[in-house]
Amino acid sequence: MAKSKNIPFRKTATRSGTVTGAAGEAYPPTEEQQAWQNITNDAILWYNVGIYGQIGYGVPNPSNDIGSLNPNMLDFTNGIGRGLFFMMHHEDADLSTPPTIDTLYRVHELVAYIMRLVDARIQPDGELPFNPEHVEPGGEVFHVWPVPYFKVRNQTMKRWARYTMYLLAELFQNSENRRLMNVYAKVGERIRGYMKRKIYYEMATEYFGKDAAAAKADNFWLTDADFSAYDPGAIRPDWESNDPVPALDNVFTEDRKSVLVSGVPMHLLPKLQPYPTNLLGLYEQMRAKRAAMTNPDTGGPMADGSRIHPSPAFPNDSHFTS
């Protein structure tokens, strides 16, 4: 059946202003929205709760996936989340100097532990799975562990935290959460990719000087001798003399961290948003500023012709409909 060309077009853009349909109907003005309401990516979210928000805590972005039927996926995400929490609350995160051996060994232990879980839990694609016969589990809600992130001064630790929260976001949104018992090779490969081939590989090559080809092998692990020989002074120039002392009023005691140490159930998270300096917010500010200026080439608004300006709506007589 041919589409009707007389169906009124309904504008979906978020800019304010009355829209008139093809038949002359006037629709209410669209509401102006803040940049964070137009989230178009899976950016790490700002845990803007009390003191944790003030000092830049973040959590992985679950999209709209809050739980899992799969006990293995829950174990993976819980193990990774707890390990990241332990790592990012080390004093090294406040310093721009290379991480100490303490932090690097925590990374080693976390990656080794998660890889053991993966090796033990992944179901080979060609092997008949074990499935329940009568039980249909109700599933469990994911937990997240908010961690220092947006204001972390140690750029290596911040980068590794970014990789880890990207991995958690991928696991939260993975369709294997529908399975009742089993996880398959693609999940293991995703975890291995982030933790072994990104974080562990970077640590081995950049901080221990290991050969790149050797560090990429699945069976590669740093040894006690490697850790004993660690020399942060050989990694990069000593910038400590120009590095100011970080603020000392946000050092958390065990009791202060206890609020978060067990994780926050996903469904109890407040409405979160990207950090104020995210690209989406900056582009929104640029767009608003340009719209208020005159383009010297055209005489029209500065926003005309901008690559970040919203796409124009279809003409009112268009056969396309929303």
Protein backbone atom coordinates (compact mmCIF):
# COMPACT_ATOMS: atom_id res chain seq x y z
CA MET A 1 0.00 0.00 0.00
CA ALA A 2 1.41 3.40 -0.94
CA LYS A 3 2.16 5.76 1.89
CA SER A 4 -0.14 8.75 2.20
CA LYS A 5 1.45 12.10 1.43
CA ASN A 6 -1.08 13.98 3.59
CA ILE A 7 -0.01 12.70 6.98
CA PRO A 8 1.12 15.70 9.05
CA PHE A 9 4.84 15.76 9.79
CA ARG A 10 5.65 15.81 13.50
CA LYS A 11 8.96 17.43 14.34
CA THR A 12 11.09 15.55 16.86
CA ALA A 13 13.95 18.01 17.34
CA THR A 14 14.50 19.38 20.82
CA ARG A 15 14.88 23.03 19.86
CA SER A 16 12.06 25.26 21.07
CA GLY A 17 9.42 26.66 18.70
CA THR A 18 5.93 25.89 17.38
CA VAL A 19 5.69 23.35 14.54
CA THR A 20 2.92 23.40 11.95
CA GLY A 21 1.85 20.18 10.23
CA ALA A 22 0.97 19.75 6.56
CA ALA A 23 -2.74 20.13 7.26
CA GLY A 24 -2.21 23.33 9.23
CA GLU A 25 -2.31 21.83 12.71
CA ALA A 26 -0.23 23.69 15.26
CA TYR A 27 1.68 21.46 17.64
CA PRO A 28 2.90 22.69 21.04
CA PRO A 29 6.43 24.04 21.22
CA THR A 30 9.05 21.40 21.93
CA GLU A 31 10.73 21.72 25.28
CA GLU A 32 14.32 22.89 25.46
CA GLN A 33 16.42 20.08 26.90
CA GLN A 34 19.69 20.08 28.71
CA ALA A 35 22.61 18.33 27.03
CA TRP A 36 22.61 15.45 29.49
CA GLN A 37 19.03 14.60 28.49
CA ASN A 38 20.22 13.87 24.95
CA ILE A 39 22.67 11.11 25.87
CA THR A 40 23.73 9.49 22.63
CA ASN A 41 26.55 7.28 23.86
CA ASP A 42 27.59 5.00 26.70
CA ALA A 43 29.85 7.51 28.40
CA ILE A 44 30.94 6.80 31.95
CA LEU A 45 28.35 8.38 34.22
CA TRP A 46 29.03 10.90 36.96
CA TYR A 47 28.09 9.51 40.39
CA ASN A 48 26.90 12.91 41.54
CA VAL A 49 25.93 11.93 45.09
CA GLY A 50 27.18 14.06 47.97
CA ILE A 51 30.92 14.18 48.48
CA TYR A 52 31.42 11.45 45.86
CA GLY A 53 30.07 13.72 43.16
CA GLN A 54 32.18 16.66 44.29
CA ILE A 55 35.41 14.73 43.91
CA GLY A 56 34.48 13.13 40.60
CA TYR A 57 33.33 9.57 41.18
CA GLY A 58 32.06 7.62 38.18
CA VAL A 59 30.15 4.44 37.37
CA PRO A 60 29.88 2.37 34.18
CA ASN A 61 26.90 3.11 31.95
CA PRO A 62 24.39 0.23 31.99
CA SER A 63 22.05 1.83 29.45
CA ASN A 64 18.66 0.38 30.48
CA ASP A 65 19.96 -3.07 31.45
CA ILE A 66 19.77 -3.45 35.21
CA GLY A 67 20.08 -7.19 35.86
CA SER A 68 20.89 -10.68 34.69
CA LEU A 69 19.50 -14.21 34.79
CA ASN A 70 23.02 -15.58 34.44
CA PRO A 71 25.03 -16.27 37.63
CA ASN A 72 28.29 -16.27 35.67
CA MET A 73 27.69 -12.77 34.29
CA LEU A 74 26.90 -11.58 37.81
CA ASP A 75 30.14 -13.10 39.10
CA PHE A 76 32.13 -11.49 36.31
CA THR A 77 30.69 -8.01 36.88
CA ASN A 78 30.89 -8.24 40.67
CA GLY A 79 34.50 -9.42 40.59
CA ILE A 80 35.59 -6.74 38.15
CA GLY A 81 33.68 -3.99 39.94
CA ARG A 82 35.07 -4.86 43.36
CA GLY A 83 38.60 -5.13 41.98
CA LEU A 84 38.37 -1.73 40.32
CA PHE A 85 37.07 -0.20 43.58
CA PHE A 86 40.05 -1.66 45.44
CA MET A 87 42.50 -0.40 42.83
CA MET A 88 41.17 3.15 42.42
CA HIS A 89 41.11 3.88 46.15
CA HIS A 90 44.86 3.51 46.34
CA GLU A 91 46.82 6.70 47.08
CA ASP A 92 48.55 6.38 43.69
CA ALA A 93 45.36 7.64 42.02
CA ASP A 94 45.99 11.10 43.55
CA LEU A 95 49.52 11.38 42.16
CA SER A 96 50.78 12.03 38.64
CA THR A 97 53.92 9.96 39.25
CA PRO A 98 54.09 6.37 37.92
CA PRO A 99 52.05 3.86 39.95
CA THR A 100 53.91 2.08 42.72
CA ILE A 101 54.48 -1.64 42.75
CA ASP A 102 51.49 -1.94 45.09
CA THR A 103 49.05 -0.72 42.44
CA LEU A 104 50.64 -2.73 39.66
CA TYR A 105 50.43 -5.91 41.71
CA ARG A 106 46.75 -5.22 42.45
CA VAL A 107 46.16 -4.97 38.71
CA HIS A 108 48.05 -8.24 38.22
CA GLU A 109 45.95 -10.01 40.85
CA LEU A 110 42.67 -8.67 39.47
CA VAL A 111 43.42 -9.67 35.88
CA ALA A 112 44.69 -13.11 36.93
CA TYR A 113 41.58 -13.72 39.06
CA ILE A 114 39.14 -12.72 36.32
CA MET A 115 40.99 -14.80 33.74
CA ARG A 116 40.71 -17.83 36.04
CA LEU A 117 36.96 -17.21 36.27
CA VAL A 118 36.69 -16.94 32.50
CA ASP A 119 38.67 -20.14 31.92
CA ALA A 120 36.52 -22.00 34.45
CA ARG A 121 33.10 -20.69 33.37
CA ILE A 122 33.16 -20.36 29.59
CA GLN A 123 31.15 -23.06 27.82
CA PRO A 124 32.73 -24.37 24.58
CA ASP A 125 30.45 -23.71 21.63
CA GLY A 126 30.50 -27.35 20.57
CA GLU A 127 29.71 -28.85 23.98
CA LEU A 128 26.16 -29.68 25.06
CA PRO A 129 25.26 -27.24 27.86
CA PHE A 130 23.83 -27.99 31.28
CA ASN A 131 20.43 -26.35 31.63
CA PRO A 132 17.75 -26.45 34.35
CA GLU A 133 14.73 -28.60 33.56
CA HIS A 134 12.02 -26.97 35.68
CA VAL A 135 13.53 -23.88 37.24
CA GLU A 136 13.16 -20.43 35.68
CA PRO A 137 15.36 -18.13 37.78
CA GLY A 138 14.13 -14.63 38.51
CA GLY A 139 17.57 -13.13 38.10
CA GLU A 140 19.39 -10.54 40.16
CA VAL A 141 20.04 -6.84 39.90
CA PHE A 142 23.56 -5.77 38.93
CA HIS A 143 25.68 -3.88 41.43
CA VAL A 144 28.05 -1.05 40.59
CA TRP A 145 31.01 0.18 42.60
CA PRO A 146 31.45 3.97 42.23
CA VAL A 147 35.13 4.86 41.95
CA PRO A 148 37.28 8.00 41.73
CA TYR A 149 37.56 8.76 38.04
CA PHE A 150 36.91 12.22 36.59
CA LYS A 151 39.43 14.04 38.80
CA VAL A 152 41.99 11.25 39.12
CA ARG A 153 45.47 12.74 38.59
CA ASN A 154 47.22 9.51 37.66
CA GLN A 155 46.49 9.27 33.94
CA THR A 156 47.54 5.63 33.66
CA MET A 157 45.14 4.57 36.39
CA LYS A 158 42.41 6.72 34.92
CA ARG A 159 42.89 5.08 31.52
CA TRP A 160 42.77 1.59 33.01
CA ALA A 161 39.65 2.53 34.97
CA ARG A 162 38.10 3.74 31.71
CA TYR A 163 38.81 0.43 30.00
CA THR A 164 37.39 -1.47 32.97
CA MET A 165 34.17 0.55 33.10
CA TYR A 166 33.74 0.15 29.35
CA LEU A 167 34.04 -3.60 29.85
CA LEU A 168 31.46 -3.54 32.65
CA ALA A 169 29.07 -1.55 30.46
CA GLU A 170 29.48 -4.14 27.72
CA LEU A 171 28.80 -6.99 30.15
CA PHE A 172 25.73 -5.25 31.55
CA GLN A 173 24.35 -4.86 28.04
CA ASN A 174 25.36 -8.29 26.71
CA SER A 175 22.52 -10.53 25.53
CA GLU A 176 24.07 -13.51 27.34
CA ASN A 177 22.37 -12.12 30.45
CA ARG A 178 19.23 -13.87 29.14
CA ARG A 179 20.85 -17.29 29.51
CA LEU A 180 20.07 -19.19 32.69
CA MET A 181 23.35 -21.05 33.22
CA ASN A 182 25.93 -20.83 30.48
CA VAL A 183 28.22 -18.25 28.92
CA TYR A 184 30.01 -18.79 25.64
CA ALA A 185 33.30 -17.90 24.02
CA LYS A 186 32.38 -14.41 22.83
CA VAL A 187 31.88 -13.21 26.41
CA GLY A 188 35.24 -14.62 27.43
CA GLU A 189 36.90 -13.02 24.44
CA ARG A 190 35.41 -9.64 25.32
CA ILE A 191 36.69 -9.86 28.90
CA ARG A 192 40.09 -11.10 27.80
CA GLY A 193 40.35 -8.33 25.24
CA TYR A 194 39.90 -5.52 27.75
CA MET A 195 41.70 -7.00 30.74
CA LYS A 196 44.54 -9.05 29.26
CA ARG A 197 45.15 -7.51 25.85
CA LYS A 198 44.64 -3.89 26.86
CA ILE A 199 45.31 -3.28 30.56
CA TYR A 200 47.77 -6.10 31.28
CA TYR A 201 49.55 -5.65 27.93
CA GLU A 202 50.02 -1.93 28.56
CA MET A 203 51.31 -2.58 32.06
CA ALA A 204 53.79 -5.21 30.87
CA THR A 205 55.18 -3.21 27.96
CA GLU A 206 55.11 0.34 29.36
CA TYR A 207 56.07 -0.32 32.98
CA PHE A 208 58.13 -3.49 32.77
CA GLY A 209 59.66 -3.10 29.30
CA LYS A 210 58.40 -6.45 28.03
CA ASP A 211 58.54 -7.32 24.35
CA ALA A 212 55.26 -6.46 22.65
CA ALA A 213 54.91 -9.77 20.82
CA ALA A 214 55.58 -11.78 23.98
CA ALA A 215 53.16 -9.69 26.07
CA LYS A 216 50.34 -10.36 23.60
CA ALA A 217 50.47 -14.12 24.17
CA ASP A 218 47.50 -15.49 26.12
CA ASN A 219 49.82 -17.42 28.45
CA PHE A 220 52.02 -14.41 29.26
CA TRP A 221 52.23 -13.37 32.91
CA LEU A 222 54.62 -11.18 34.83
CA THR A 223 56.75 -13.00 37.41
CA ASP A 224 57.85 -12.20 40.95
CA ALA A 225 61.26 -11.36 39.53
CA ASP A 226 59.66 -8.77 37.20
CA PHE A 227 57.92 -7.07 40.09
CA SER A 228 61.06 -7.13 42.23
CA ALA A 229 63.00 -5.39 39.44
CA TYR A 230 60.38 -2.67 38.87
CA ASP A 231 62.00 0.76 38.45
CA PRO A 232 59.53 3.66 38.02
CA GLY A 233 62.43 6.07 37.46
CA ALA A 234 63.24 4.31 34.18
CA ILE A 235 59.75 4.88 32.77
CA ARG A 236 59.63 8.65 32.28
CA PRO A 237 61.31 11.85 33.48
CA ASP A 238 60.91 12.79 37.14
CA TRP A 239 58.21 15.47 37.24
CA GLU A 240 57.54 15.21 40.96
CA SER A 241 59.42 18.45 41.74
CA ASN A 242 56.85 20.39 39.72
CA ASP A 243 53.86 18.41 40.93
CA PRO A 244 51.73 20.15 43.62
CA VAL A 245 50.54 18.19 46.61
CA PRO A 246 46.94 17.03 46.02
CA ALA A 247 44.17 18.10 48.37
CA LEU A 248 44.33 16.12 51.59
CA ASP A 249 40.73 16.65 52.76
CA ASN A 250 39.21 13.86 50.66
CA VAL A 251 41.17 10.91 52.01
CA PHE A 252 38.55 8.30 52.86
CA THR A 253 38.80 6.14 55.95
CA GLU A 254 37.55 2.59 55.89
CA ASP A 255 34.31 3.72 57.53
CA ARG A 256 33.71 6.41 54.91
CA LYS A 257 34.28 3.93 52.10
CA SER A 258 32.01 1.35 53.74
CA VAL A 259 28.95 3.08 52.24
CA LEU A 260 30.11 1.97 48.79
CA VAL A 261 32.26 -1.08 49.45
CA SER A 262 29.37 -3.54 49.01
CA GLY A 263 28.28 -1.93 45.76
CA VAL A 264 25.13 -0.03 44.86
CA PRO A 265 22.22 -2.04 43.39
CA MET A 266 21.53 -0.75 39.91
CA HIS A 267 17.88 0.01 40.59
CA LEU A 268 18.81 2.23 43.55
CA LEU A 269 21.06 4.53 41.53
CA PRO A 270 19.80 8.11 41.24
CA LYS A 271 19.28 9.64 37.83
CA LEU A 272 22.83 10.07 36.58
CA GLN A 273 24.36 12.13 33.78
CA PRO A 274 27.70 12.54 32.04
CA TYR A 275 30.30 14.70 33.73
CA PRO A 276 29.82 18.45 33.10
CA THR A 277 32.84 18.65 30.82
CA ASN A 278 31.69 15.87 28.49
CA LEU A 279 31.78 16.59 24.75
CA LEU A 280 28.01 16.54 24.36
CA GLY A 281 27.61 19.34 26.91
CA LEU A 282 30.37 21.41 25.32
CA TYR A 283 28.86 21.08 21.87
CA GLU A 284 25.49 22.17 23.27
CA GLN A 285 27.11 25.29 24.73
CA MET A 286 28.87 25.99 21.41
CA ARG A 287 25.59 25.57 19.53
CA ALA A 288 23.77 28.00 21.81
CA LYS A 289 26.57 30.55 21.54
CA ARG A 290 26.71 30.33 17.76
CA ALA A 291 22.94 30.71 17.46
CA ALA A 292 23.22 34.06 19.26
CA MET A 293 25.89 35.42 16.87
CA THR A 294 25.78 36.70 13.30
CA ASN A 295 27.65 34.85 10.59
CA PRO A 296 29.73 37.50 8.73
CA ASP A 297 29.64 35.42 5.52
CA THR A 298 25.89 34.90 5.32
CA GLY A 299 24.40 37.61 7.52
CA GLY A 300 22.33 34.92 9.20
CA PRO A 301 22.71 33.16 12.52
CA MET A 302 26.18 31.82 13.21
CA ALA A 303 24.69 28.33 13.61
CA ASP A 304 23.77 28.20 9.91
CA GLY A 305 25.95 25.68 8.16
CA SER A 306 27.57 24.43 11.36
CA ARG A 307 28.30 20.73 11.41
CA ILE A 308 26.92 20.53 14.94
CA HIS A 309 23.67 22.30 14.10
CA PRO A 310 20.55 20.07 14.19
CA SER A 311 19.57 18.69 10.79
CA PRO A 312 16.72 20.67 9.18
CA ALA A 313 13.25 19.17 9.34
CA PHE A 314 11.63 17.71 6.24
CA PRO A 315 9.37 20.19 4.35
CA ASN A 316 5.76 20.15 5.47
CA ASP A 317 4.70 18.51 2.20
CA SER A 318 7.24 15.69 2.51
CA HIS A 319 5.96 12.13 2.24
CA PHE A 320 8.32 11.14 5.05
CA THR A 321 6.71 10.92 8.46
CA SER A 322 8.09 10.58 11.95
